[in-house]
Amino acid sequence: MKIKLRNNTSVIHKIKIYSVITVFFGCSDTKTDFVTTESGLQYKVIKTGAGPAVVTGNEVLIHETTKYRNDSIVYTSRNRPNPLNIVVGGNQVIKGMDEGLLGMKKGEVRKLIVPPSLSKRTGNITFPHPDSTLLYEIELIDIVSKKEVPKSVDGNILKIDKGKSILNWEGFNKLQTNGHYGTVNFQSGQFIEKENKIIGGEFVVDMNSIINTDGKYSKSLVDHLKNADFFETDKYPFAKLSILTVNYLDDSKLIIAADLLIKDVTQPIEFEGNIQYKEGNMILESKLIIDRTRWNIVYKSGIIFGSFGDSLISDEIHFEAIIYTE
């Protein structure tokens, strides 16, 4: 007797997907392990937390591990010295992550199954693959109170002298033994001053003005910095720094907390500054270091692409600003 088999390709495919998800998330005896939201996101709490719940607009510290369905790791923040710092709902992570963080409490750990519709990224980004279902494990380390920009209605506006002001940059290889440096110009800028103290300000940088000054000018290097691997200046021609708070340590030394916008991603930063006055004009000097991966600039990152060896590029970009007022 012959038995005729039907084509069960779709059934087998579903079984494979289920098996991979089971390997990543652990075996389940119930159908309600994962909660499915209206958007299609699935999540499960594997460790409860305590305290206030995350809402849209919160600045949070998290650790995450991301995998494809075949259990290969796409990214993990566990290799970093510090947790990731993001603003929930601030277009800094994929929609599935933004949604999955909502309602979490300090110390809570969740696992997410994020469909392709919730894993699309802005810009010309192909990693992770935009059509992939992603598996996340996220831990909420803390909720950071978001600082607001001080009101400027009672302050004096001090415009910067764009001709004198300087913004230097420097990038390195992974070991920081070799690299490039150069300049980028301010498009505009102003401080807000009240009672002879800086209380705020905003500065716009023309990213298309970036050049290298470490020797002979390299058009190929500049073109690379302007393309999608780095700053994608045809789509995002400007970066912006907005001062949130200023803490004076003495009459000249201060700690500045600010939001830095690069490639349509805003991240909080903090850096030191030093103020002096010359011929009635204020001069602010400061140095800051950013981790470019926080702004989705991951080209040859050691954190993201650990197998590139000597060709890896440091995630750090160093800036030095000398800003003169008019």
Foldseek 3Di string as FASTA:
>chain_A
DDDDDDDCVVVVVVVLLVVLVCVVPPDDDDPPQWDADPVGKTKHWPFAADDDWDDQFWWFFKWKWKDFSNRHTQFTCPVPPGTFIAGQPQLQAWQSVSVVRGGGHAFIKMKMFAALVRHDHPDDDCPPHSRTTMIMIMHTHHTDDDFAADDQPQWDKFWWDQVPKWKKKWWAFAVRPDTWIWTWGWPTKIFTDDPRHTFKMKTKTFLLRTWTDPDPTDPVVSVVCCPPLHQVCVQVRIKMKIWRGWADPDSFKIKTWIWIGTPSGIDIDIWIWGWDDDPRKIKIKTKDKDQRVSNVNCRQDCRRDVPPPRRHIYSIMIMIIIIITD
